[in-house]
């Protein structure tokens, strides 16, 4: 039964073939009784579609009546089936979309402590992958139907709407959410989203995307807890790959390291590479003294020497030299990292 319901194309094709078979066989039968092909086809058409303008020729013999009765029964049955197939063909997708939206709405209404991702562009897509890998409940909000369809294909919870509208934010449970990420590629939109979200939930953790340097202050004043600048981060990452290729790559290549990064971020930690400049306070200091000075805010896990040597699990007495790349685990927030 489900197979039939889910196959509008097959149902429509079967209905058309059935009707063609009934009309063809009935027309042929009337021709055998001496009717012309034109009269026979016309009579069969007005009969099976229940129009019934009248008989072109007297139907007096039992055989003709039997053929007519069979044509009416089979024809009406075929018309009913074909009409249902046509209706199904044009409405099934809309019904599935409507029912899917209702199910989605019900699920979102029961979400609590979830994350809201506003914008499903390049960064939103990558963010969703990370959250999904970290098994975090979240819902994607976007106005673009194509992007939402892409998100739905990945099995993500989605909501169509403008995230600057407080009604939309309420619909996705901003008052029950624990965090909101505004990653729309438009600084003004991100500011409006931040303002609306902060107005609805004073305790919400808001992470906003900012492209222009001047936008960071606006987003923080609007209520964002953190501002991410993709251009700045991208440039820094490129520099790390150029300066310390082996060390930089170990932080983002293997799936196990990637999952480690997700787990660390869930704990409020970051895995990063810090280049040590000649005038850095880290240059000439031992790992033990650096960690003691920083308290519990960082932990050095590897050192990439300028010569190309990589030290994993370095001894606490190891001295950091100018030009080294230090791989460290730090608390979230770049201000807590020692100046290198």
Foldseek 3Di string as FASTA:
>chain_A
DVVVLPCLVVLLVVLVVLLVVLLVVLLVVVVVVVDDSVLSSVCLVCQLVVVDPDHPDDQDDPVSVVSSVVSNVSSVVSVVSNVVSVCSVVCVVVVVVVVVVVVLLVVLVPDAQAEEEEDQDPVVVVVVVLCVLVVTQYEYEEQDPVSVVVCVVVVHRYDHDQLLDLVRCVSNPLQRYQEYEYEHPDLVSQLSNLLSSCVNHVRHAYEYEDADPVSQVSSVVSPHPYYDHVVVVVVVLVVCCVLQVVVSCVCPDDPVNSSVQSVLVVVQKHKDKDAAAQPFPLAFDFQLVVCVVLPPFKHWAWKQDSVGDIGGRDDRRDRDHHSMITIMMGGHDPVSDGDD
